[in-house]
Amino acid sequence: MTGVEVWDTGERVGRFRETIEIVDQMLRNEVTTYQGRYYQIDQAEMHPAPIQQPRPSLTIAAHGPKTLKIAATYGDSWSTLVGGDLSPQEAVEITRQRNDMLNEYAIEVGRDPKTITRSIAVGWTPDTPFASLDSFYEFVGRYREAGINEFVFGYWTRDEEIPEAHHLPHIIDDGMLERIATEAIPSIKKELAD
């Protein structure tokens, strides 16, 4: 579509790593030089410098071993999603396995795994977290047990046509959405703070 050749998996991962390394260095330094296999920059200046030090937080989406290593090395937050034809139980188990790998890779690179936020994009499995408060608590609880501590919810409204390939939660009850926002989420936050 864009005229760029389709890279094989190894090259995509290599380019991804180099891009993250460049972003990391440029956000930390006023001037950056980088010589990678795929990308090179010479004396690139970062003006104005970011206010956050040593740099703004990076969220890195990763699903496989190679990209999870990148997330463990550079990510302040790891983002994942699971879906397709997986059952809710299979999706949680895959998330748990990825979370465990991220922990191992963080330790390998000398990082405390607890310093990495664990985020999931919700809506790619046949779960129904908005069906009731119990459904919401049960959904969040299963993923929290798998290591997730941040949830990104997308949803379809009742007036929108849902694409067949997506399982995004469907809001059919505005009152339930309000209860989740005003009761369930504050309750979970309080529980985490205690």
N, C-alpha and C. Protein backbone atom coordinates (compact mmCIF):
# COMPACT_ATOMS: atom_id res chain seq x y z
N MET A 1 0.81 -1.19 0.00
CA MET A 1 0.00 0.00 0.00
C MET A 1 0.87 1.27 0.00
N THR A 2 1.96 1.24 0.78
CA THR A 2 2.81 2.43 0.88
C THR A 2 4.05 2.34 0.00
N GLY A 3 4.21 1.23 -0.69
CA GLY A 3 5.39 1.06 -1.53
C GLY A 3 6.61 0.56 -0.79
N VAL A 4 6.45 0.23 0.49
CA VAL A 4 7.55 -0.31 1.29
C VAL A 4 7.46 -1.82 1.24
N GLU A 5 8.59 -2.48 1.01
CA GLU A 5 8.58 -3.93 0.96
C GLU A 5 8.14 -4.52 2.30
N VAL A 6 7.57 -5.70 2.24
CA VAL A 6 7.13 -6.39 3.46
C VAL A 6 8.35 -7.10 4.04
N TRP A 7 8.72 -6.73 5.26
CA TRP A 7 9.89 -7.32 5.90
C TRP A 7 9.53 -8.64 6.55
N ASP A 8 10.49 -9.56 6.60
CA ASP A 8 10.25 -10.81 7.33
C ASP A 8 10.26 -10.51 8.82
N THR A 9 9.86 -11.49 9.62
CA THR A 9 9.71 -11.27 11.06
C THR A 9 11.00 -10.80 11.70
N GLY A 10 12.13 -11.41 11.34
CA GLY A 10 13.41 -11.01 11.92
C GLY A 10 13.74 -9.56 11.64
N GLU A 11 13.50 -9.12 10.43
CA GLU A 11 13.80 -7.73 10.09
C GLU A 11 12.83 -6.78 10.78
N ARG A 12 11.55 -7.16 10.86
CA ARG A 12 10.59 -6.31 11.57
C ARG A 12 10.99 -6.11 13.02
N VAL A 13 11.40 -7.21 13.67
CA VAL A 13 11.82 -7.12 15.07
C VAL A 13 13.08 -6.28 15.18
N GLY A 14 14.03 -6.47 14.27
CA GLY A 14 15.26 -5.68 14.28
C GLY A 14 14.99 -4.20 14.10
N ARG A 15 14.13 -3.88 13.18
CA ARG A 15 13.78 -2.47 12.96
C ARG A 15 13.02 -1.90 14.16
N PHE A 16 12.16 -2.71 14.75
CA PHE A 16 11.42 -2.27 15.94
C PHE A 16 12.40 -1.96 17.07
N ARG A 17 13.35 -2.87 17.32
CA ARG A 17 14.35 -2.65 18.37
C ARG A 17 15.12 -1.37 18.11
N GLU A 18 15.61 -1.19 16.90
CA GLU A 18 16.40 0.01 16.59
C GLU A 18 15.57 1.28 16.76
N THR A 19 14.32 1.24 16.35
CA THR A 19 13.45 2.41 16.51
C THR A 19 13.29 2.76 17.99
N ILE A 20 13.04 1.75 18.82
CA ILE A 20 12.90 1.98 20.26
C ILE A 20 14.21 2.52 20.84
N GLU A 21 15.35 1.95 20.43
CA GLU A 21 16.65 2.43 20.93
C GLU A 21 16.87 3.89 20.56
N ILE A 22 16.51 4.27 19.33
CA ILE A 22 16.67 5.66 18.90
C ILE A 22 15.77 6.58 19.71
N VAL A 23 14.50 6.21 19.85
CA VAL A 23 13.57 7.04 20.62
C VAL A 23 14.07 7.19 22.06
N ASP A 24 14.49 6.08 22.66
CA ASP A 24 15.00 6.11 24.04
C ASP A 24 16.18 7.08 24.15
N GLN A 25 17.14 6.97 23.25
CA GLN A 25 18.33 7.82 23.31
C GLN A 25 17.99 9.29 23.04
N MET A 26 17.14 9.52 22.05
CA MET A 26 16.82 10.92 21.72
C MET A 26 16.04 11.60 22.85
N LEU A 27 15.22 10.85 23.56
CA LEU A 27 14.48 11.45 24.66
C LEU A 27 15.34 11.68 25.90
N ARG A 28 16.48 10.99 25.96
CA ARG A 28 17.39 11.14 27.10
C ARG A 28 18.49 12.16 26.86
N ASN A 29 18.83 12.41 25.60
CA ASN A 29 20.01 13.21 25.27
C ASN A 29 19.64 14.42 24.41
N GLU A 30 20.41 15.47 24.54
CA GLU A 30 20.21 16.64 23.68
C GLU A 30 20.64 16.33 22.25
N VAL A 31 21.71 15.54 22.11
CA VAL A 31 22.24 15.18 20.79
C VAL A 31 22.47 13.68 20.76
N THR A 32 22.03 13.03 19.70
CA THR A 32 22.15 11.58 19.59
C THR A 32 22.74 11.19 18.24
N THR A 33 23.70 10.26 18.31
CA THR A 33 24.22 9.61 17.11
C THR A 33 23.95 8.12 17.29
N TYR A 34 23.48 7.50 16.23
CA TYR A 34 23.11 6.08 16.31
C TYR A 34 23.49 5.40 15.01
N GLN A 35 24.18 4.28 15.12
CA GLN A 35 24.55 3.50 13.94
C GLN A 35 24.02 2.08 14.10
N GLY A 36 22.89 1.82 13.51
CA GLY A 36 22.31 0.50 13.56
C GLY A 36 22.40 -0.18 12.22
N ARG A 37 21.89 -1.36 12.17
CA ARG A 37 21.88 -2.10 10.90
C ARG A 37 20.89 -1.46 9.92
N TYR A 38 19.75 -1.00 10.44
CA TYR A 38 18.70 -0.48 9.59
C TYR A 38 18.61 1.04 9.59
N TYR A 39 18.94 1.65 10.71
CA TYR A 39 18.78 3.09 10.84
C TYR A 39 20.06 3.72 11.36
N GLN A 40 20.36 4.90 10.82
CA GLN A 40 21.51 5.66 11.28
C GLN A 40 21.07 7.12 11.45
N ILE A 41 21.52 7.72 12.52
CA ILE A 41 21.31 9.15 12.71
C ILE A 41 22.63 9.76 13.16
N ASP A 42 22.86 10.98 12.75
CA ASP A 42 24.12 11.65 13.07
C ASP A 42 23.83 13.00 13.69
N GLN A 43 24.17 13.10 14.97
CA GLN A 43 24.04 14.36 15.69
C GLN A 43 22.61 14.92 15.65
N ALA A 44 21.63 14.05 15.82
CA ALA A 44 20.23 14.50 15.86
C ALA A 44 19.98 15.24 17.16
N GLU A 45 19.41 16.43 17.05
CA GLU A 45 19.17 17.26 18.23
C GLU A 45 17.72 17.14 18.68
N MET A 46 17.55 17.15 19.98
CA MET A 46 16.21 17.08 20.57
C MET A 46 15.94 18.41 21.26
N HIS A 47 15.19 19.27 20.56
CA HIS A 47 14.84 20.57 21.10
C HIS A 47 13.38 20.83 20.84
N PRO A 48 12.60 21.18 21.82
CA PRO A 48 12.99 21.27 23.22
C PRO A 48 13.10 19.88 23.84
N ALA A 49 13.88 19.80 24.88
CA ALA A 49 14.05 18.54 25.60
C ALA A 49 12.76 18.24 26.38
N PRO A 50 12.47 16.96 26.60
CA PRO A 50 11.28 16.63 27.39
C PRO A 50 11.41 17.12 28.83
N ILE A 51 10.30 17.43 29.44
CA ILE A 51 10.30 17.86 30.83
C ILE A 51 10.56 16.67 31.75
N GLN A 52 9.97 15.52 31.42
CA GLN A 52 10.15 14.33 32.25
C GLN A 52 11.60 13.84 32.15
N GLN A 53 12.15 13.47 33.28
CA GLN A 53 13.52 12.97 33.30
C GLN A 53 13.57 11.60 33.94
N PRO A 54 14.33 10.63 33.45
CA PRO A 54 15.32 10.83 32.39
C PRO A 54 14.70 10.91 31.00
N ARG A 55 13.42 10.51 30.86
CA ARG A 55 12.68 10.66 29.61
C ARG A 55 11.22 10.38 29.91
N PRO A 56 10.32 10.74 28.99
CA PRO A 56 8.91 10.37 29.17
C PRO A 56 8.77 8.84 29.15
N SER A 57 7.72 8.36 29.77
CA SER A 57 7.46 6.93 29.81
C SER A 57 7.20 6.38 28.42
N LEU A 58 7.69 5.16 28.18
CA LEU A 58 7.44 4.48 26.93
C LEU A 58 6.54 3.27 27.17
N THR A 59 5.49 3.16 26.38
CA THR A 59 4.64 1.97 26.39
C THR A 59 4.99 1.17 25.16
N ILE A 60 5.34 -0.08 25.37
CA ILE A 60 5.75 -0.93 24.26
C ILE A 60 4.81 -2.13 24.17
N ALA A 61 4.17 -2.26 23.00
CA ALA A 61 3.31 -3.41 22.75
C ALA A 61 4.20 -4.58 22.35
N ALA A 62 3.96 -5.73 22.96
CA ALA A 62 4.79 -6.90 22.67
C ALA A 62 4.00 -8.17 22.97
N HIS A 63 4.24 -9.18 22.12
CA HIS A 63 3.52 -10.44 22.30
C HIS A 63 4.43 -11.65 22.28
N GLY A 64 5.49 -11.62 21.52
CA GLY A 64 6.39 -12.76 21.40
C GLY A 64 7.67 -12.55 22.17
N PRO A 65 8.49 -13.61 22.29
CA PRO A 65 9.72 -13.54 23.08
C PRO A 65 10.66 -12.39 22.68
N LYS A 66 10.87 -12.18 21.41
CA LYS A 66 11.82 -11.13 20.99
C LYS A 66 11.33 -9.74 21.33
N THR A 67 10.05 -9.47 21.09
CA THR A 67 9.54 -8.14 21.41
C THR A 67 9.33 -7.96 22.91
N LEU A 68 9.04 -9.06 23.63
CA LEU A 68 8.96 -8.96 25.09
C LEU A 68 10.31 -8.59 25.69
N LYS A 69 11.41 -9.07 25.09
CA LYS A 69 12.75 -8.67 25.56
C LYS A 69 12.96 -7.18 25.36
N ILE A 70 12.47 -6.66 24.24
CA ILE A 70 12.59 -5.21 23.99
C ILE A 70 11.77 -4.44 25.03
N ALA A 71 10.56 -4.90 25.28
CA ALA A 71 9.71 -4.24 26.28
C ALA A 71 10.35 -4.30 27.67
N ALA A 72 10.96 -5.42 28.01
CA ALA A 72 11.61 -5.56 29.32
C ALA A 72 12.81 -4.64 29.44
N THR A 73 13.46 -4.36 28.34
CA THR A 73 14.65 -3.51 28.35
C THR A 73 14.30 -2.03 28.38
N TYR A 74 13.32 -1.62 27.58
CA TYR A 74 13.06 -0.19 27.39
C TYR A 74 11.70 0.29 27.90
N GLY A 75 10.77 -0.61 28.10
CA GLY A 75 9.41 -0.19 28.40
C GLY A 75 9.18 0.19 29.85
N ASP A 76 8.45 1.26 30.03
CA ASP A 76 7.95 1.61 31.36
C ASP A 76 6.59 0.96 31.55
N SER A 77 5.95 0.69 30.41
CA SER A 77 4.66 0.01 30.40
C SER A 77 4.68 -0.98 29.24
N TRP A 78 4.16 -2.18 29.51
CA TRP A 78 4.02 -3.20 28.47
C TRP A 78 2.55 -3.32 28.13
N SER A 79 2.23 -3.32 26.85
CA SER A 79 0.85 -3.44 26.40
C SER A 79 0.70 -4.71 25.57
N THR A 80 -0.38 -5.43 25.82
CA THR A 80 -0.64 -6.65 25.08
C THR A 80 -2.12 -6.74 24.75
N LEU A 81 -2.46 -7.68 23.91
CA LEU A 81 -3.84 -8.06 23.66
C LEU A 81 -3.83 -9.51 23.22
N VAL A 82 -4.91 -10.17 23.42
CA VAL A 82 -5.07 -11.55 22.97
C VAL A 82 -6.46 -11.66 22.38
N GLY A 83 -6.62 -12.59 21.47
CA GLY A 83 -7.94 -12.72 20.89
C GLY A 83 -8.01 -13.78 19.83
N GLY A 84 -8.73 -13.45 18.81
CA GLY A 84 -8.97 -14.43 17.77
C GLY A 84 -10.01 -15.43 18.23
N ASP A 85 -9.72 -16.68 18.01
CA ASP A 85 -10.67 -17.74 18.35
C ASP A 85 -10.41 -18.33 19.73
N LEU A 86 -9.68 -17.61 20.58
CA LEU A 86 -9.36 -18.12 21.90
C LEU A 86 -10.56 -18.04 22.84
N SER A 87 -10.65 -19.00 23.74
CA SER A 87 -11.64 -18.91 24.80
C SER A 87 -11.14 -17.89 25.83
N PRO A 88 -12.02 -17.39 26.68
CA PRO A 88 -11.55 -16.49 27.74
C PRO A 88 -10.45 -17.12 28.60
N GLN A 89 -10.55 -18.40 28.89
CA GLN A 89 -9.54 -19.07 29.71
C GLN A 89 -8.20 -19.15 28.98
N GLU A 90 -8.24 -19.47 27.69
CA GLU A 90 -7.00 -19.53 26.90
C GLU A 90 -6.34 -18.16 26.82
N ALA A 91 -7.14 -17.12 26.66
CA ALA A 91 -6.60 -15.76 26.56
C ALA A 91 -5.90 -15.35 27.85
N VAL A 92 -6.50 -15.67 28.99
CA VAL A 92 -5.87 -15.35 30.28
C VAL A 92 -4.56 -16.13 30.42
N GLU A 93 -4.55 -17.38 30.05
CA GLU A 93 -3.34 -18.20 30.18
C GLU A 93 -2.21 -17.67 29.30
N ILE A 94 -2.52 -17.27 28.08
CA ILE A 94 -1.49 -16.69 27.21
C ILE A 94 -0.97 -15.40 27.82
N THR A 95 -1.85 -14.60 28.37
CA THR A 95 -1.44 -13.35 29.02
C THR A 95 -0.52 -13.65 30.20
N ARG A 96 -0.85 -14.66 30.99
CA ARG A 96 -0.02 -15.05 32.13
C ARG A 96 1.38 -15.49 31.64
N GLN A 97 1.41 -16.28 30.58
CA GLN A 97 2.70 -16.74 30.05
C GLN A 97 3.55 -15.57 29.56
N ARG A 98 2.93 -14.63 28.87
CA ARG A 98 3.66 -13.45 28.39
C ARG A 98 4.17 -12.63 29.57
N ASN A 99 3.33 -12.46 30.59
CA ASN A 99 3.72 -11.71 31.77
C ASN A 99 4.92 -12.38 32.45
N ASP A 100 4.90 -13.70 32.57
CA ASP A 100 6.03 -14.42 33.17
C ASP A 100 7.31 -14.24 32.35
N MET A 101 7.18 -14.29 31.02
CA MET A 101 8.36 -14.06 30.16
C MET A 101 8.90 -12.66 30.37
N LEU A 102 8.00 -11.67 30.43
CA LEU A 102 8.44 -10.29 30.64
C LEU A 102 9.21 -10.18 31.95
N ASN A 103 8.71 -10.82 33.01
CA ASN A 103 9.41 -10.81 34.29
C ASN A 103 10.82 -11.39 34.15
N GLU A 104 10.93 -12.53 33.49
CA GLU A 104 12.24 -13.18 33.31
C GLU A 104 13.20 -12.29 32.53
N TYR A 105 12.72 -11.69 31.44
CA TYR A 105 13.58 -10.84 30.63
C TYR A 105 13.99 -9.58 31.39
N ALA A 106 13.09 -9.03 32.19
CA ALA A 106 13.44 -7.85 32.98
C ALA A 106 14.57 -8.18 33.95
N ILE A 107 14.48 -9.31 34.60
CA ILE A 107 15.53 -9.74 35.53
C ILE A 107 16.84 -9.93 34.77
N GLU A 108 16.78 -10.54 33.59
CA GLU A 108 17.99 -10.75 32.77
C GLU A 108 18.70 -9.45 32.46
N VAL A 109 17.95 -8.37 32.20
CA VAL A 109 18.59 -7.09 31.86
C VAL A 109 18.82 -6.21 33.08
N GLY A 110 18.58 -6.76 34.28
CA GLY A 110 18.88 -6.02 35.50
C GLY A 110 17.79 -5.06 35.95
N ARG A 111 16.56 -5.31 35.55
CA ARG A 111 15.45 -4.44 35.96
C ARG A 111 14.57 -5.17 36.95
N ASP A 112 13.98 -4.40 37.84
CA ASP A 112 12.97 -4.94 38.75
C ASP A 112 11.68 -5.05 37.95
N PRO A 113 11.16 -6.26 37.76
CA PRO A 113 9.94 -6.42 36.96
C PRO A 113 8.77 -5.60 37.48
N LYS A 114 8.75 -5.30 38.77
CA LYS A 114 7.63 -4.54 39.35
C LYS A 114 7.60 -3.10 38.86
N THR A 115 8.68 -2.63 38.23
CA THR A 115 8.70 -1.25 37.74
C THR A 115 8.02 -1.11 36.38
N ILE A 116 7.57 -2.20 35.80
CA ILE A 116 6.92 -2.17 34.48
C ILE A 116 5.41 -2.33 34.66
N THR A 117 4.65 -1.35 34.21
CA THR A 117 3.20 -1.43 34.21
C THR A 117 2.76 -2.48 33.19
N ARG A 118 1.71 -3.23 33.52
CA ARG A 118 1.21 -4.29 32.64
C ARG A 118 -0.17 -3.89 32.15
N SER A 119 -0.31 -3.66 30.85
CA SER A 119 -1.54 -3.13 30.27
C SER A 119 -2.11 -4.09 29.24
N ILE A 120 -3.43 -4.19 29.20
CA ILE A 120 -4.07 -5.03 28.18
C ILE A 120 -5.15 -4.23 27.47
N ALA A 121 -5.16 -4.36 26.14
CA ALA A 121 -6.23 -3.78 25.33
C ALA A 121 -7.37 -4.79 25.32
N VAL A 122 -8.46 -4.42 25.91
CA VAL A 122 -9.60 -5.32 26.11
C VAL A 122 -10.51 -5.29 24.89
N GLY A 123 -11.05 -6.44 24.54
CA GLY A 123 -12.06 -6.46 23.51
C GLY A 123 -11.77 -7.41 22.36
N TRP A 124 -10.78 -8.25 22.52
CA TRP A 124 -10.43 -9.14 21.42
C TRP A 124 -10.75 -10.59 21.75
N THR A 125 -11.40 -10.82 22.89
CA THR A 125 -11.85 -12.15 23.28
C THR A 125 -13.36 -12.09 23.47
N PRO A 126 -14.03 -13.23 23.54
CA PRO A 126 -15.49 -13.20 23.67
C PRO A 126 -16.00 -12.91 25.08
N ASP A 127 -15.19 -12.29 25.92
CA ASP A 127 -15.64 -11.91 27.26
C ASP A 127 -16.73 -10.85 27.17
N THR A 128 -17.50 -10.71 28.24
CA THR A 128 -18.55 -9.69 28.29
C THR A 128 -18.43 -8.90 29.60
N PRO A 129 -17.36 -8.10 29.73
CA PRO A 129 -17.14 -7.41 31.01
C PRO A 129 -18.18 -6.36 31.34
N PHE A 130 -18.96 -5.90 30.38
CA PHE A 130 -19.96 -4.87 30.65
C PHE A 130 -21.36 -5.44 30.85
N ALA A 131 -21.49 -6.76 30.92
CA ALA A 131 -22.81 -7.37 31.08
C ALA A 131 -23.40 -7.11 32.46
N SER A 132 -22.53 -7.05 33.48
CA SER A 132 -22.98 -6.81 34.85
C SER A 132 -21.77 -6.40 35.67
N LEU A 133 -22.03 -5.92 36.89
CA LEU A 133 -20.91 -5.61 37.78
C LEU A 133 -20.11 -6.87 38.08
N ASP A 134 -20.80 -7.98 38.32
CA ASP A 134 -20.10 -9.24 38.59
C ASP A 134 -19.21 -9.64 37.41
N SER A 135 -19.70 -9.47 36.19
CA SER A 135 -18.91 -9.80 35.00
C SER A 135 -17.66 -8.93 34.93
N PHE A 136 -17.83 -7.66 35.26
CA PHE A 136 -16.70 -6.73 35.22
C PHE A 136 -15.65 -7.13 36.26
N TYR A 137 -16.11 -7.34 37.50
CA TYR A 137 -15.17 -7.73 38.56
C TYR A 137 -14.47 -9.05 38.23
N GLU A 138 -15.23 -10.00 37.69
CA GLU A 138 -14.65 -11.31 37.37
C GLU A 138 -13.62 -11.17 36.26
N PHE A 139 -13.92 -10.38 35.24
CA PHE A 139 -12.99 -10.17 34.13
C PHE A 139 -11.70 -9.52 34.62
N VAL A 140 -11.84 -8.42 35.33
CA VAL A 140 -10.66 -7.71 35.83
C VAL A 140 -9.87 -8.61 36.79
N GLY A 141 -10.55 -9.35 37.64
CA GLY A 141 -9.88 -10.23 38.59
C GLY A 141 -9.05 -11.30 37.91
N ARG A 142 -9.59 -11.92 36.86
CA ARG A 142 -8.83 -12.96 36.15
C ARG A 142 -7.55 -12.40 35.56
N TYR A 143 -7.63 -11.22 34.96
CA TYR A 143 -6.44 -10.64 34.34
C TYR A 143 -5.47 -10.06 35.37
N ARG A 144 -6.00 -9.57 36.48
CA ARG A 144 -5.10 -9.11 37.55
C ARG A 144 -4.29 -10.29 38.08
N GLU A 145 -4.94 -11.46 38.23
CA GLU A 145 -4.21 -12.65 38.68
C GLU A 145 -3.14 -13.07 37.68
N ALA A 146 -3.34 -12.73 36.42
CA ALA A 146 -2.36 -13.05 35.37
C ALA A 146 -1.25 -11.99 35.30
N GLY A 147 -1.36 -10.93 36.12
CA GLY A 147 -0.31 -9.92 36.18
C GLY A 147 -0.66 -8.56 35.61
N ILE A 148 -1.84 -8.40 35.05
CA ILE A 148 -2.23 -7.13 34.44
C ILE A 148 -2.67 -6.14 35.51
N ASN A 149 -2.19 -4.89 35.39
CA ASN A 149 -2.60 -3.88 36.36
C ASN A 149 -3.14 -2.60 35.70
N GLU A 150 -3.35 -2.66 34.39
CA GLU A 150 -3.95 -1.53 33.68
C GLU A 150 -4.81 -2.09 32.55
N PHE A 151 -6.01 -1.56 32.41
CA PHE A 151 -6.97 -2.05 31.42
C PHE A 151 -7.37 -0.92 30.49
N VAL A 152 -7.31 -1.17 29.19
CA VAL A 152 -7.72 -0.19 28.19
C VAL A 152 -8.97 -0.76 27.52
N PHE A 153 -10.12 -0.16 27.83
CA PHE A 153 -11.39 -0.66 27.32
C PHE A 153 -11.82 0.15 26.11
N GLY A 154 -12.15 -0.56 25.06
CA GLY A 154 -12.83 0.02 23.91
C GLY A 154 -14.20 -0.63 23.89
N TYR A 155 -15.16 -0.02 23.29
CA TYR A 155 -16.47 -0.64 23.25
C TYR A 155 -17.27 -0.08 22.09
N TRP A 156 -18.25 -0.84 21.69
CA TRP A 156 -19.20 -0.42 20.67
C TRP A 156 -20.47 0.03 21.39
N THR A 157 -21.08 1.07 20.88
CA THR A 157 -22.37 1.47 21.44
C THR A 157 -23.45 0.61 20.81
N ARG A 158 -24.62 0.63 21.39
CA ARG A 158 -25.70 -0.23 20.89
C ARG A 158 -26.14 0.17 19.49
N ASP A 159 -25.83 1.39 19.05
CA ASP A 159 -26.26 1.85 17.73
C ASP A 159 -25.25 1.53 16.63
N GLU A 160 -24.09 1.04 17.01
CA GLU A 160 -23.07 0.75 16.00
C GLU A 160 -23.11 -0.70 15.58
N GLU A 161 -22.80 -0.93 14.32
CA GLU A 161 -22.70 -2.29 13.82
C GLU A 161 -21.33 -2.83 14.20
N ILE A 162 -21.30 -3.98 14.82
CA ILE A 162 -20.04 -4.57 15.27
C ILE A 162 -19.43 -5.40 14.15
N PRO A 163 -18.19 -5.09 13.74
CA PRO A 163 -17.54 -5.92 12.73
C PRO A 163 -17.43 -7.36 13.24
N GLU A 164 -17.66 -8.30 12.37
CA GLU A 164 -17.71 -9.71 12.74
C GLU A 164 -16.40 -10.18 13.37
N ALA A 165 -15.26 -9.63 12.95
CA ALA A 165 -13.97 -10.10 13.43
C ALA A 165 -13.63 -9.60 14.83
N HIS A 166 -14.40 -8.67 15.36
CA HIS A 166 -14.09 -8.08 16.66
C HIS A 166 -15.05 -8.58 17.74
N HIS A 167 -14.53 -8.60 18.93
CA HIS A 167 -15.34 -8.99 20.08
C HIS A 167 -15.47 -7.83 21.06
N LEU A 168 -15.25 -6.61 20.58
CA LEU A 168 -15.29 -5.48 21.51
C LEU A 168 -16.58 -5.52 22.31
N PRO A 169 -16.47 -5.29 23.62
CA PRO A 169 -17.68 -5.31 24.46
C PRO A 169 -18.73 -4.37 23.91
N HIS A 170 -19.95 -4.81 23.92
CA HIS A 170 -21.07 -4.05 23.38
C HIS A 170 -21.86 -3.44 24.54
N ILE A 171 -21.97 -2.13 24.55
CA ILE A 171 -22.72 -1.44 25.60
C ILE A 171 -24.20 -1.45 25.22
N ILE A 172 -24.99 -2.15 26.00
CA ILE A 172 -26.42 -2.15 25.75
C ILE A 172 -27.17 -1.49 26.90
N ASP A 173 -26.45 -1.14 27.94
CA ASP A 173 -27.09 -0.57 29.13
C ASP A 173 -26.23 0.58 29.65
N ASP A 174 -26.63 1.81 29.32
CA ASP A 174 -25.86 2.98 29.78
C ASP A 174 -25.77 3.02 31.30
N GLY A 175 -26.82 2.55 31.97
CA GLY A 175 -26.80 2.53 33.44
C GLY A 175 -25.70 1.62 33.97
N MET A 176 -25.48 0.47 33.30
CA MET A 176 -24.42 -0.44 33.74
C MET A 176 -23.05 0.19 33.51
N LEU A 177 -22.87 0.86 32.39
CA LEU A 177 -21.60 1.54 32.14
C LEU A 177 -21.34 2.59 33.22
N GLU A 178 -22.38 3.32 33.59
CA GLU A 178 -22.24 4.33 34.65
C GLU A 178 -21.90 3.67 35.98
N ARG A 179 -22.53 2.55 36.30
CA ARG A 179 -22.23 1.85 37.56
C ARG A 179 -20.79 1.33 37.57
N ILE A 180 -20.34 0.84 36.44
CA ILE A 180 -18.95 0.37 36.37
C ILE A 180 -18.01 1.54 36.62
N ALA A 181 -18.32 2.69 35.98
CA ALA A 181 -17.46 3.86 36.13
C ALA A 181 -17.51 4.45 37.53
N THR A 182 -18.66 4.44 38.17
CA THR A 182 -18.80 5.13 39.46
C THR A 182 -18.67 4.19 40.66
N GLU A 183 -18.90 2.88 40.47
CA GLU A 183 -18.82 1.94 41.59
C GLU A 183 -17.64 0.98 41.46
N ALA A 184 -17.61 0.24 40.36
CA ALA A 184 -16.61 -0.83 40.24
C ALA A 184 -15.18 -0.30 40.14
N ILE A 185 -14.95 0.65 39.26
CA ILE A 185 -13.59 1.15 39.08
C ILE A 185 -13.06 1.80 40.35
N PRO A 186 -13.82 2.69 41.02
CA PRO A 186 -13.32 3.24 42.29
C PRO A 186 -13.08 2.16 43.35
N SER A 187 -13.93 1.13 43.39
CA SER A 187 -13.76 0.05 44.35
C SER A 187 -12.45 -0.72 44.10
N ILE A 188 -12.17 -0.99 42.83
CA ILE A 188 -10.93 -1.70 42.48
C ILE A 188 -9.72 -0.83 42.81
N LYS A 189 -9.80 0.46 42.49
CA LYS A 189 -8.69 1.37 42.80
C LYS A 189 -8.43 1.42 44.31
N LYS A 190 -9.49 1.48 45.09
CA LYS A 190 -9.34 1.52 46.55
C LYS A 190 -8.69 0.24 47.05
N GLU A 191 -9.13 -0.89 46.50
CA GLU A 191 -8.56 -2.18 46.89
C GLU A 191 -7.05 -2.23 46.58
N LEU A 192 -6.66 -1.69 45.43
CA LEU A 192 -5.25 -1.66 45.06
C LEU A 192 -4.43 -0.75 45.97
N ALA A 193 -5.05 0.34 46.40
CA ALA A 193 -4.35 1.30 47.25
C ALA A 193 -4.15 0.76 48.68
N ASP A 194 -5.06 -0.10 49.14
CA ASP A 194 -4.99 -0.63 50.51
C ASP A 194 -3.92 -1.67 50.68
